[in-house]
C-alpha atoms as a PDB file:
ATOM      1  CA  MET A   1     159.721 150.321  70.133  1.00  0.00           C
ATOM      2  CA  LYS A   2     162.995 149.908  72.899  1.00  0.00           C
ATOM      3  CA  LEU A   3     165.150 152.397  74.102  1.00  0.00           C
ATOM      4  CA  TYR A   4     168.054 152.620  75.735  1.00  0.00           C
ATOM      5  CA  MET A   5     168.775 154.915  78.204  1.00  0.00           C
ATOM      6  CA  LYS A   6     171.606 156.971  80.746  1.00  0.00           C
ATOM      7  CA  CYS A   7     169.867 158.882  83.580  1.00  0.00           C
ATOM      8  CA  THR A   8     171.256 160.220  86.651  1.00  0.00           C
ATOM      9  CA  THR A   9     171.862 158.173  89.429  1.00  0.00           C
ATOM     10  CA  ASP A  10     169.594 160.359  92.113  1.00  0.00           C
ATOM     11  CA  SER A  11     165.958 159.992  92.635  1.00  0.00           C
ATOM     12  CA  LEU A  12     164.647 162.203  89.849  1.00  0.00           C
ATOM     13  CA  GLU A  13     166.908 159.550  86.842  1.00  0.00           C
ATOM     14  CA  LEU A  14     166.488 162.078  84.529  1.00  0.00           C
ATOM     15  CA  PRO A  15     168.100 161.239  81.218  1.00  0.00           C
ATOM     16  CA  LEU A  16     171.304 161.944  80.192  1.00  0.00           C
ATOM     17  CA  ALA A  17     171.436 160.132  76.841  1.00  0.00           C
ATOM     18  CA  VAL A  18     168.643 158.011  75.005  1.00  0.00           C
ATOM     19  CA  ALA A  19     169.523 155.752  72.002  1.00  0.00           C
ATOM     20  CA  ASP A  20     167.589 153.029  69.670  1.00  0.00           C
ATOM     21  CA  SER A  21     170.152 150.720  70.394  1.00  0.00           C
ATOM     22  CA  THR A  22     172.945 149.807  73.034  1.00  0.00           C
ATOM     23  CA  ARG A  23     176.109 150.542  69.962  1.00  0.00           C
ATOM     24  CA  GLU A  24     174.379 153.864  69.639  1.00  0.00           C
ATOM     25  CA  LEU A  25     174.477 154.626  73.516  1.00  0.00           C
ATOM     26  CA  ALA A  26     177.820 153.342  73.844  1.00  0.00           C
ATOM     27  CA  GLU A  27     178.964 155.873  70.597  1.00  0.00           C
ATOM     28  CA  MET A  28     177.192 158.460  72.797  1.00  0.00           C
ATOM     29  CA  LEU A  29     178.720 157.519  75.936  1.00  0.00           C
ATOM     30  CA  HIS A  30     182.186 156.997  74.771  1.00  0.00           C
ATOM     31  CA  MET A  31     182.130 153.399  75.942  1.00  0.00           C
ATOM     32  CA  THR A  32     181.955 149.710  74.233  1.00  0.00           C
ATOM     33  CA  ASN A  33     178.896 147.770  72.855  1.00  0.00           C
ATOM     34  CA  GLY A  34     179.729 145.350  75.320  1.00  0.00           C
ATOM     35  CA  SER A  35     179.896 147.373  78.367  1.00  0.00           C
ATOM     36  CA  VAL A  36     176.450 149.149  77.826  1.00  0.00           C
ATOM     37  CA  ALA A  37     174.850 145.927  77.209  1.00  0.00           C
ATOM     38  CA  SER A  38     175.932 144.357  80.167  1.00  0.00           C
ATOM     39  CA  ALA A  39     175.020 147.380  82.359  1.00  0.00           C
ATOM     40  CA  ILE A  40     171.491 146.999  81.128  1.00  0.00           C
ATOM     41  CA  SER A  41     171.096 143.633  81.741  1.00  0.00           C
ATOM     42  CA  ARG A  42     172.620 143.260  85.038  1.00  0.00           C
ATOM     43  CA  GLY A  43     170.175 146.188  86.016  1.00  0.00           C
ATOM     44  CA  VAL A  44     173.226 148.608  87.062  1.00  0.00           C
ATOM     45  CA  CYS A  45     171.991 152.209  88.344  1.00  0.00           C
ATOM     46  CA  GLY A  46     171.219 154.909  85.513  1.00  0.00           C
ATOM     47  CA  TYR A  47     170.901 151.779  82.705  1.00  0.00           C
ATOM     48  CA  HIS A  48     168.173 151.390  81.408  1.00  0.00           C
ATOM     49  CA  LYS A  49     166.221 149.448  78.519  1.00  0.00           C
ATOM     50  CA  VAL A  50     162.471 151.024  77.875  1.00  0.00           C
ATOM     51  CA  ILE A  51     159.994 149.371  75.887  1.00  0.00           C
ATOM     52  CA  ILE A  52     157.138 151.493  74.109  1.00  0.00           C
ATOM     53  CA  PRO A  53     154.463 149.561  72.716  1.00  0.00           C
ATOM     54  CA  ASP A  54     153.355 150.582  69.624  1.00  0.00           C
ATOM     55  CA  CYS A  55     149.858 152.214  70.084  1.00  0.00           C
ATOM     56  CA  TRP A  56     146.712 152.806  67.872  1.00  0.00           C
ATOM     57  CA  PRO A  57     143.843 155.254  68.300  1.00  0.00           C
ATOM     58  CA  ASN A  58     140.437 153.565  69.007  1.00  0.00           C
ATOM     59  CA  ASP A  59     136.859 155.114  68.174  1.00  0.00           C
ATOM     60  CA  ASP A  60     136.077 156.543  71.851  1.00  0.00           C
ATOM     61  CA  GLY A  61     139.464 158.404  71.796  1.00  0.00           C
ATOM     62  CA  GLY A  62     141.588 155.786  73.945  1.00  0.00           C
ATOM     63  CA  LEU A  63     144.608 153.869  72.663  1.00  0.00           C
ATOM     64  CA  TRP A  64     144.802 150.514  72.234  1.00  0.00           C
ATOM     65  CA  TYR A  65     148.330 147.874  71.831  1.00  0.00           C
ATOM     66  CA  TYR A  66     148.965 144.153  71.499  1.00  0.00           C
ATOM     67  CA  ASP A  67     150.857 142.664  74.768  1.00  0.00           C
ATOM     68  CA  GLU A  68     153.497 140.093  74.629  1.00  0.00           C
ATOM     69  CA  HIS A  69     150.662 137.293  74.114  1.00  0.00           C
ATOM     70  CA  GLY A  70     148.943 138.906  71.260  1.00  0.00           C
ATOM     71  CA  LYS A  71     146.110 140.345  73.065  1.00  0.00           C
ATOM     72  CA  ALA A  72     144.196 143.933  72.528  1.00  0.00           C
ATOM     73  CA  VAL A  73     144.862 145.748  75.529  1.00  0.00           C
ATOM     74  CA  THR A  74     142.938 149.099  75.699  1.00  0.00           C
ATOM     75  CA  LEU A  75     144.702 151.873  77.501  1.00  0.00           C
ATOM     76  CA  GLU A  76     142.459 154.105  79.543  1.00  0.00           C
ATOM     77  CA  ALA A  77     142.248 158.108  78.735  1.00  0.00           C
END
């Protein structure tokens, strides 16, 4: 899952808007999709793409997911 965020530019980086796509985030911020996508790809302060892996529970109460190479990774509880 990917989330696109506009955050405050202070040390806390609190989220101001969160969306599933750059187009949706652009609509929330009254900007063009190209401006938001460019800000995220260039790493402009306050714009972030967050990748959240799909996780599944294992037998001992922990979680696991597949990394970008297809290897199962277990998260420590």
